[in-house]
Amino acid sequence: MFRLDTAPQSFQPPPVMPHSVEESLNILTAGTAKVISEKELKEKLELGRPLRIKLGVDPTAPDIHLGHTVAIEKLRQFQELGHQAVLLIGDFTATVGDPTGRSAARPPLTRDEVLANAETYTTQAFKILDPDKTEVVFNGEWFRSMTYEQVLKLNSRVTMQQMLQREDFKSRIDKGQEVRLHEVQYPIMQGWDSVELKADVEIGGTDQLFNILVGRDFQKEEGQPQQVVILMPLLEGLDGVKKMSKSAHNYVGVSDEAHEMFGKIMSISDELMDRYYSLLLGTNRDVSLHPMEAKKQLAADITTRYHSEQDAAAARITWEARFSNRDTAAGAVELELKALPADLNLLTLVSFTFSEAFDMKKSNGELRKQFITTGAVQLNGTKLSDPMADITPALGDILRLSKKQSVKFI
């Protein structure tokens, strides 16, 4: 059931699918980083009823990337086993901002911004989840009705010492950086969400352990059974080093065009390929295939999931034409000539192209060192190495920035 209203509605859960407890346990713990605890999860599965599985998301941006889908995929597995998927939209907590892993407070969002993001976020999440079997809830339902007295009573359940055990808070304080009081509220609010939802299980990334444990404590104090904690690994981005994020420019967006999605997946290392198979598809690669063919299969499977088989097949043809056959024009991103600034030199053109065509911000030093002086930049097949040379692209010109990135001027 998908609902965007704020009034509670009854939900009739689907029947649990005929899997043994052991089979379900093996499926649900596969690919996880940590489960607290498998014994508790087994005991809950033995109850023989659909469990309420919570995944909380703060729609701080309109789009999600493959890193976000790791937890959503685990929620889907619970859903397919007949359990109740509860997608909690933090329309209230998003206005505060999760401080996890942050070196500074997040910029505040208005509720209108959060609700607009929530619309696109859920649309993309439903490419993985069954919307007819997903309960979508907004935590503003309970937080916006709380009195200040109730907030104070909730705060009294935790100590400042507990909050300051968080590594991100401790690190910022040690560096003389500010920690705002509203940020300290975040784990308390996330924990109370679990009480309101009567969650049996909460899914999150490994960086969410502290917040989810607060929920367990609150549930115990309220006389509720404590939720099982399932932590999923954080997915490395295309660089294979940093966590996938837009700020690191190493992400694959769920809403990326099919050819762009396919091409990005093909850029990952062979070492990262197995991890993507496991975390994004819940499968293992066919070791009988050549690594290149296995990577093409991975890219095709992921592209199919978010687009279609036809789109994935067309993206593969485009990629192979571009890289296997060295056809630079095939798959080039189109960029309008009229969008180009006046009085361009090579450096400003390459900088503008990376930003506009690929949403990548690069410093002038990085552009010189890694792209221009190495001969990677070519215009219609001719290498360009003088960053200050004047340049005026013409209609139909192909500017090659790297082996994987080209634009066609239209």
Protein backbone atom coordinates (compact mmCIF):
# COMPACT_ATOMS: atom_id res chain seq x y z
CA MET A 1 0.00 0.00 0.00
CA PHE A 2 1.46 3.32 -1.04
CA ARG A 3 0.19 6.34 0.80
CA LEU A 4 1.30 9.94 0.87
CA ASP A 5 -1.39 11.19 3.26
CA THR A 6 -0.87 11.67 6.97
CA ALA A 7 -3.83 9.68 8.30
CA PRO A 8 -3.11 6.13 9.55
CA GLN A 9 -4.64 3.43 7.38
CA SER A 10 -5.13 -0.26 7.98
CA PHE A 11 -2.88 -2.59 6.04
CA GLN A 12 -3.56 -6.21 5.22
CA PRO A 13 -0.16 -7.91 4.90
CA PRO A 14 0.44 -10.56 2.27
CA PRO A 15 0.77 -14.16 3.44
CA VAL A 16 4.26 -15.40 4.22
CA MET A 17 5.70 -17.39 1.32
CA PRO A 18 6.34 -21.12 1.91
CA HIS A 19 10.02 -21.01 2.87
CA SER A 20 11.42 -22.78 5.88
CA VAL A 21 12.84 -20.64 8.66
CA GLU A 22 16.35 -21.79 7.82
CA GLU A 23 15.90 -21.00 4.12
CA SER A 24 14.54 -17.55 4.93
CA LEU A 25 17.35 -16.90 7.40
CA ASN A 26 19.99 -17.80 4.81
CA ILE A 27 18.41 -15.53 2.21
CA LEU A 28 17.98 -12.58 4.58
CA THR A 29 21.45 -12.68 6.13
CA ALA A 30 23.29 -13.14 2.82
CA GLY A 31 25.34 -10.09 1.84
CA THR A 32 24.84 -8.33 5.17
CA ALA A 33 27.67 -6.69 7.08
CA LYS A 34 26.22 -7.36 10.54
CA VAL A 35 23.04 -8.76 12.08
CA ILE A 36 22.07 -8.13 15.72
CA SER A 37 21.27 -10.85 16.10
CA GLU A 38 20.72 -13.88 13.88
CA LYS A 39 19.27 -15.70 16.88
CA GLU A 40 16.67 -12.95 17.39
CA LEU A 41 15.85 -12.89 13.68
CA LYS A 42 15.33 -16.64 13.68
CA GLU A 43 13.02 -16.36 16.68
CA LYS A 44 10.97 -13.67 14.92
CA LEU A 45 10.73 -15.76 11.75
CA GLU A 46 9.52 -18.69 13.84
CA LEU A 47 6.51 -16.60 14.92
CA GLY A 48 5.01 -17.46 11.53
CA ARG A 49 3.59 -13.98 10.90
CA PRO A 50 4.65 -11.24 8.51
CA LEU A 51 7.31 -9.12 10.18
CA ARG A 52 7.38 -5.33 9.92
CA ILE A 53 10.62 -4.37 8.20
CA LYS A 54 11.62 -0.72 8.51
CA LEU A 55 13.88 1.17 6.14
CA GLY A 56 14.11 4.88 6.84
CA VAL A 57 15.17 7.35 4.17
CA ASP A 58 15.58 11.10 4.29
CA PRO A 59 14.75 12.62 0.88
CA THR A 60 17.43 15.32 1.03
CA ALA A 61 17.87 15.08 -2.76
CA PRO A 62 15.44 14.21 -5.56
CA ASP A 63 17.44 11.30 -6.96
CA ILE A 64 18.89 8.09 -5.56
CA HIS A 65 21.94 6.20 -6.76
CA LEU A 66 22.92 2.55 -6.68
CA GLY A 67 24.52 2.98 -3.27
CA HIS A 68 21.08 3.72 -1.84
CA THR A 69 19.59 0.62 -3.46
CA VAL A 70 21.70 -1.83 -1.43
CA ALA A 71 19.37 -1.48 1.58
CA ILE A 72 16.29 -1.29 -0.66
CA GLU A 73 17.29 -4.62 -2.27
CA LYS A 74 17.39 -6.24 1.17
CA LEU A 75 13.95 -4.78 1.93
CA ARG A 76 12.74 -6.30 -1.34
CA GLN A 77 13.98 -9.73 -0.22
CA PHE A 78 11.90 -9.48 2.95
CA GLN A 79 8.95 -8.36 0.83
CA GLU A 80 9.28 -11.32 -1.53
CA LEU A 81 9.28 -13.64 1.49
CA GLY A 82 5.89 -12.23 2.46
CA HIS A 83 6.92 -9.72 5.11
CA GLN A 84 5.68 -6.15 5.40
CA ALA A 85 8.03 -3.60 3.84
CA VAL A 86 7.74 -0.24 5.60
CA LEU A 87 9.44 2.62 3.78
CA LEU A 88 9.70 5.46 6.27
CA ILE A 89 10.08 8.84 4.63
CA GLY A 90 11.79 11.24 7.03
CA ASP A 91 9.89 14.35 6.06
CA PHE A 92 10.57 15.65 9.58
CA THR A 93 14.09 14.29 10.11
CA ALA A 94 15.17 15.49 6.66
CA THR A 95 14.60 19.07 7.79
CA VAL A 96 17.20 18.36 10.51
CA GLY A 97 19.60 16.27 8.44
CA ASP A 98 21.37 13.06 9.42
CA PRO A 99 24.78 14.03 10.86
CA THR A 100 26.19 10.55 10.20
CA GLY A 101 29.58 10.84 8.53
CA ARG A 102 29.31 14.59 8.19
CA SER A 103 32.06 17.04 9.03
CA ALA A 104 29.56 19.90 9.23
CA ALA A 105 25.83 20.41 9.73
CA ARG A 106 23.68 19.78 6.67
CA PRO A 107 21.98 22.80 5.13
CA PRO A 108 18.32 22.92 6.23
CA LEU A 109 15.55 21.99 3.79
CA THR A 110 12.00 23.28 3.74
CA ARG A 111 9.17 20.78 4.05
CA ASP A 112 8.04 21.60 0.50
CA GLU A 113 11.52 20.68 -0.78
CA VAL A 114 11.46 17.46 1.22
CA LEU A 115 8.00 16.45 -0.07
CA ALA A 116 9.00 17.19 -3.67
CA ASN A 117 12.09 15.02 -3.24
CA ALA A 118 9.99 12.29 -1.63
CA GLU A 119 7.82 11.99 -4.73
CA THR A 120 10.74 11.23 -7.04
CA TYR A 121 12.53 9.18 -4.38
CA THR A 122 9.62 6.80 -3.92
CA THR A 123 9.05 6.55 -7.67
CA GLN A 124 12.64 5.39 -8.08
CA ALA A 125 12.45 3.06 -5.06
CA PHE A 126 9.43 1.40 -6.64
CA LYS A 127 11.63 0.24 -9.48
CA ILE A 128 12.81 -2.28 -6.87
CA LEU A 129 9.92 -2.62 -4.43
CA ASP A 130 6.35 -3.69 -5.15
CA PRO A 131 4.38 -0.48 -4.51
CA ASP A 132 1.17 -2.42 -3.82
CA LYS A 133 2.88 -4.26 -0.97
CA THR A 134 4.85 -1.34 0.45
CA GLU A 135 3.64 0.76 3.36
CA VAL A 136 4.96 4.31 2.99
CA VAL A 137 4.86 6.39 6.15
CA PHE A 138 6.03 9.92 6.98
CA ASN A 139 7.51 10.55 10.43
CA GLY A 140 6.03 14.03 10.46
CA GLU A 141 2.79 12.22 11.39
CA TRP A 142 3.95 11.90 14.99
CA PHE A 143 6.71 14.47 15.40
CA ARG A 144 4.61 17.43 14.25
CA SER A 145 1.97 16.64 16.86
CA MET A 146 4.42 16.41 19.77
CA THR A 147 4.32 19.04 22.48
CA TYR A 148 7.51 20.56 23.81
CA GLU A 149 6.92 18.67 27.06
CA GLN A 150 6.85 15.38 25.16
CA VAL A 151 10.08 16.30 23.37
CA LEU A 152 11.78 17.03 26.69
CA LYS A 153 10.62 13.71 28.13
CA LEU A 154 11.97 11.90 25.08
CA ASN A 155 15.31 13.69 25.38
CA SER A 156 15.54 12.72 29.06
CA ARG A 157 15.85 9.07 28.03
CA VAL A 158 19.37 9.56 26.65
CA THR A 159 22.48 11.22 28.01
CA MET A 160 24.82 13.66 26.35
CA GLN A 161 27.62 11.18 27.02
CA GLN A 162 25.77 8.61 24.90
CA MET A 163 25.39 11.06 22.02
CA LEU A 164 29.03 12.10 22.18
CA GLN A 165 30.11 8.50 21.72
CA ARG A 166 29.31 8.93 18.04
CA GLU A 167 32.55 9.07 16.10
CA ASP A 168 31.39 11.88 13.83
CA PHE A 169 30.50 14.10 16.79
CA LYS A 170 33.71 13.26 18.66
CA SER A 171 35.81 13.95 15.57
CA ARG A 172 34.21 17.34 14.96
CA ILE A 173 34.60 18.39 18.59
CA ASP A 174 38.26 17.27 18.62
CA LYS A 175 38.87 19.40 15.54
CA GLY A 176 37.20 22.42 17.11
CA GLN A 177 34.24 22.18 14.70
CA GLU A 178 30.74 22.94 15.89
CA VAL A 179 28.06 20.35 16.61
CA ARG A 180 24.62 21.91 16.59
CA LEU A 181 22.10 20.81 19.21
CA HIS A 182 19.47 19.92 16.61
CA GLU A 183 21.91 17.34 15.17
CA VAL A 184 22.04 15.58 18.53
CA GLN A 185 18.28 15.10 18.19
CA TYR A 186 18.62 13.01 15.05
CA PRO A 187 19.43 9.60 16.61
CA ILE A 188 16.64 10.18 19.15
CA MET A 189 14.11 10.84 16.39
CA GLN A 190 15.24 7.87 14.31
CA GLY A 191 14.99 5.65 17.37
CA TRP A 192 11.48 6.86 18.19
CA ASP A 193 10.39 6.09 14.63
CA SER A 194 10.92 2.40 15.42
CA VAL A 195 8.61 2.66 18.43
CA GLU A 196 5.87 4.34 16.38
CA LEU A 197 6.16 1.72 13.64
CA LYS A 198 6.52 -1.25 16.02
CA ALA A 199 9.36 -2.40 13.78
CA ASP A 200 10.50 -6.01 13.99
CA VAL A 201 13.58 -5.35 11.88
CA GLU A 202 15.38 -2.20 10.81
CA ILE A 203 17.69 -2.13 7.79
CA GLY A 204 20.45 0.44 7.36
CA GLY A 205 24.02 0.99 6.26
CA THR A 206 26.92 0.18 8.57
CA ASP A 207 27.10 3.88 9.44
CA GLN A 208 23.60 3.67 10.97
CA LEU A 209 24.43 1.28 13.82
CA PHE A 210 24.32 3.93 16.56
CA ASN A 211 20.94 5.30 15.44
CA ILE A 212 19.32 1.87 15.10
CA LEU A 213 20.53 0.77 18.53
CA VAL A 214 18.81 3.82 20.03
CA GLY A 215 15.60 2.45 18.54
CA ARG A 216 16.17 -0.90 20.25
CA ASP A 217 16.63 0.87 23.59
CA PHE A 218 13.44 2.90 23.16
CA GLN A 219 11.43 -0.18 22.18
CA LYS A 220 12.61 -2.03 25.28
CA GLU A 221 11.63 0.91 27.50
CA GLU A 222 8.19 0.95 25.84
CA GLY A 223 7.68 -2.76 26.47
CA GLN A 224 7.95 -3.65 22.78
CA PRO A 225 10.01 -6.53 21.37
CA GLN A 226 13.35 -5.09 20.23
CA GLN A 227 13.96 -4.76 16.52
CA VAL A 228 16.63 -6.84 14.84
CA VAL A 229 19.42 -4.75 13.34
CA ILE A 230 20.48 -5.57 9.79
CA LEU A 231 23.42 -3.53 8.55
CA MET A 232 24.28 -3.51 4.86
CA PRO A 233 27.75 -2.74 3.50
CA LEU A 234 28.37 0.71 2.07
CA LEU A 235 28.82 0.43 -1.69
CA GLU A 236 32.03 1.79 -3.15
CA GLY A 237 31.62 4.15 -6.07
CA LEU A 238 33.02 3.81 -9.56
CA ASP A 239 36.50 4.68 -8.30
CA GLY A 240 36.47 1.61 -6.06
CA VAL A 241 37.69 3.65 -3.08
CA LYS A 242 35.20 6.18 -1.73
CA LYS A 243 31.59 5.47 -0.78
CA MET A 244 29.29 6.07 -3.74
CA SER A 245 27.99 9.62 -3.57
CA LYS A 246 27.16 12.52 -5.81
CA SER A 247 29.65 14.75 -4.03
CA ALA A 248 32.45 12.32 -4.92
CA HIS A 249 31.26 12.18 -8.57
CA ASN A 250 31.56 8.37 -8.49
CA TYR A 251 27.89 7.42 -8.60
CA VAL A 252 25.43 5.67 -10.91
CA GLY A 253 22.03 7.31 -10.65
CA VAL A 254 18.89 5.18 -10.74
CA SER A 255 17.46 7.78 -13.14
CA ASP A 256 20.55 7.84 -15.39
CA GLU A 257 19.86 7.20 -19.07
CA ALA A 258 20.35 3.56 -20.08
CA HIS A 259 23.49 4.16 -22.16
CA GLU A 260 25.01 6.26 -19.38
CA MET A 261 24.22 3.65 -16.74
CA PHE A 262 25.67 0.85 -18.85
CA GLY A 263 28.82 2.82 -19.59
CA LYS A 264 29.41 3.77 -15.97
CA ILE A 265 29.14 0.14 -14.84
CA MET A 266 31.63 -0.87 -17.53
CA SER A 267 34.15 1.56 -16.05
CA ILE A 268 34.50 -0.30 -12.73
CA SER A 269 37.46 -2.54 -11.95
CA ASP A 270 37.30 -6.33 -12.20
CA GLU A 271 37.88 -6.46 -8.43
CA LEU A 272 34.79 -4.33 -7.78
CA MET A 273 32.63 -6.35 -10.17
CA ASP A 274 31.98 -9.22 -7.73
CA ARG A 275 30.87 -6.77 -5.05
CA TYR A 276 28.40 -5.12 -7.43
CA TYR A 277 27.00 -8.51 -8.42
CA SER A 278 26.48 -9.43 -4.77
CA LEU A 279 25.15 -6.13 -3.37
CA LEU A 280 23.16 -4.86 -6.34
CA LEU A 281 21.79 -8.07 -7.82
CA GLY A 282 22.06 -10.55 -4.97
CA THR A 283 23.86 -13.02 -7.23
CA ASN A 284 27.37 -14.20 -8.05
CA ARG A 285 29.00 -13.70 -11.42
CA ASP A 286 29.43 -16.65 -13.74
CA VAL A 287 33.12 -17.50 -13.30
CA SER A 288 33.08 -19.43 -16.58
CA LEU A 289 32.70 -16.11 -18.43
CA HIS A 290 35.63 -13.91 -19.43
CA PRO A 291 35.81 -10.95 -17.01
CA MET A 292 34.90 -8.51 -19.80
CA GLU A 293 31.84 -10.55 -20.75
CA ALA A 294 30.87 -10.89 -17.08
CA LYS A 295 31.07 -7.12 -16.68
CA LYS A 296 28.88 -6.61 -19.74
CA GLN A 297 26.37 -9.00 -18.23
CA LEU A 298 26.46 -7.06 -14.94
CA ALA A 299 25.94 -3.76 -16.76
CA ALA A 300 23.10 -5.27 -18.80
CA ASP A 301 21.36 -6.76 -15.75
CA ILE A 302 21.52 -3.52 -13.79
CA THR A 303 20.39 -1.46 -16.78
CA THR A 304 17.51 -3.88 -17.39
CA ARG A 305 16.36 -3.52 -13.78
CA TYR A 306 15.99 0.25 -14.05
CA HIS A 307 15.03 0.46 -17.73
CA SER A 308 14.25 -2.57 -19.92
CA GLU A 309 15.92 -5.46 -21.74
CA GLN A 310 15.60 -3.54 -24.98
CA ASP A 311 17.26 -0.46 -23.51
CA ALA A 312 20.05 -2.57 -22.03
CA ALA A 313 20.66 -4.32 -25.36
CA ALA A 314 20.79 -0.99 -27.20
CA ALA A 315 23.17 0.43 -24.58
CA ARG A 316 25.46 -2.56 -25.01
CA ILE A 317 25.53 -2.12 -28.77
CA THR A 318 26.35 1.56 -28.33
CA TRP A 319 29.11 0.82 -25.81
CA GLU A 320 30.67 -1.86 -27.98
CA ALA A 321 30.56 0.39 -31.02
CA ARG A 322 32.23 3.14 -29.07
CA PHE A 323 34.94 1.18 -27.29
CA SER A 324 35.32 -2.17 -28.96
CA ASN A 325 35.25 -0.61 -32.41
CA ARG A 326 36.83 2.68 -31.30
CA ASP A 327 33.94 4.70 -32.71
CA THR A 328 34.24 7.88 -30.67
CA ALA A 329 31.02 9.38 -31.98
CA ALA A 330 28.90 6.42 -30.87
CA GLY A 331 27.39 7.14 -27.48
CA ALA A 332 28.79 10.66 -27.30
CA VAL A 333 26.81 13.00 -25.10
CA GLU A 334 25.22 15.81 -27.09
CA LEU A 335 26.01 19.40 -26.10
CA GLU A 336 24.46 22.43 -27.70
CA LEU A 337 26.89 24.93 -29.25
CA LYS A 338 24.77 27.83 -28.10
CA ALA A 339 25.34 26.76 -24.48
CA LEU A 340 29.10 27.35 -24.75
CA PRO A 341 30.58 30.47 -23.14
CA ALA A 342 32.26 33.06 -25.35
CA ASP A 343 36.05 33.42 -25.77
CA LEU A 344 36.91 29.81 -25.01
CA ASN A 345 40.34 28.32 -24.63
CA LEU A 346 40.93 24.58 -24.36
CA LEU A 347 41.06 24.60 -20.56
CA THR A 348 37.77 26.47 -20.12
CA LEU A 349 36.08 24.33 -22.80
CA VAL A 350 37.12 21.07 -21.12
CA SER A 351 36.10 22.38 -17.70
CA PHE A 352 32.70 23.53 -18.99
CA THR A 353 32.13 20.25 -20.84
CA PHE A 354 32.87 18.08 -17.82
CA SER A 355 30.51 20.20 -15.72
CA GLU A 356 27.60 20.47 -18.17
CA ALA A 357 27.73 17.10 -19.95
CA PHE A 358 28.88 14.85 -17.11
CA ASP A 359 28.03 16.80 -13.94
CA MET A 360 31.66 16.58 -12.85
CA LYS A 361 33.50 19.49 -11.24
CA LYS A 362 37.26 19.32 -11.78
CA SER A 363 39.98 21.77 -10.82
CA ASN A 364 42.11 23.44 -13.49
CA GLY A 365 45.16 21.66 -12.12
CA GLU A 366 43.46 18.28 -12.41
CA LEU A 367 42.32 19.02 -15.97
CA ARG A 368 45.83 20.03 -17.04
CA LYS A 369 47.63 17.15 -15.36
CA GLN A 370 45.25 14.25 -15.98
CA PHE A 371 43.60 15.12 -19.28
CA ILE A 372 45.15 17.85 -21.39
CA THR A 373 48.90 17.31 -21.02
CA THR A 374 48.47 13.52 -21.27
CA GLY A 375 46.95 13.81 -24.74
CA ALA A 376 43.61 12.41 -23.66
CA VAL A 377 41.72 15.41 -25.05
CA GLN A 378 41.06 15.21 -28.78
CA LEU A 379 38.95 17.19 -31.22
CA ASN A 380 37.83 15.07 -34.15
CA GLY A 381 40.72 12.69 -33.49
CA THR A 382 43.41 15.40 -33.18
CA LYS A 383 45.17 15.58 -29.82
CA LEU A 384 45.09 18.97 -28.10
CA SER A 385 47.71 19.70 -25.43
CA ASP A 386 47.91 23.50 -25.04
CA PRO A 387 45.44 24.46 -22.27
CA MET A 388 45.51 28.15 -23.22
CA ALA A 389 44.95 27.68 -26.96
CA ASP A 390 41.84 29.41 -28.33
CA ILE A 391 39.24 26.99 -29.60
CA THR A 392 35.87 27.34 -31.36
CA PRO A 393 34.02 24.03 -31.82
CA ALA A 394 31.82 23.67 -34.88
CA LEU A 395 28.54 21.87 -35.48
CA GLY A 396 29.08 18.09 -35.44
CA ASP A 397 32.55 18.22 -33.88
CA ILE A 398 33.44 15.42 -31.47
CA LEU A 399 35.40 16.41 -28.36
CA ARG A 400 36.96 13.41 -26.62
CA LEU A 401 37.80 14.07 -22.97
CA SER A 402 38.90 10.54 -22.05
CA LYS A 403 38.45 6.98 -23.23
CA LYS A 404 35.03 6.95 -21.60
CA GLN A 405 33.75 10.48 -22.13
CA SER A 406 33.05 12.28 -25.39
CA VAL A 407 30.63 14.96 -26.50
CA LYS A 408 29.15 15.87 -29.84
CA PHE A 409 28.34 19.53 -30.47
CA ILE A 410 24.88 20.07 -31.89
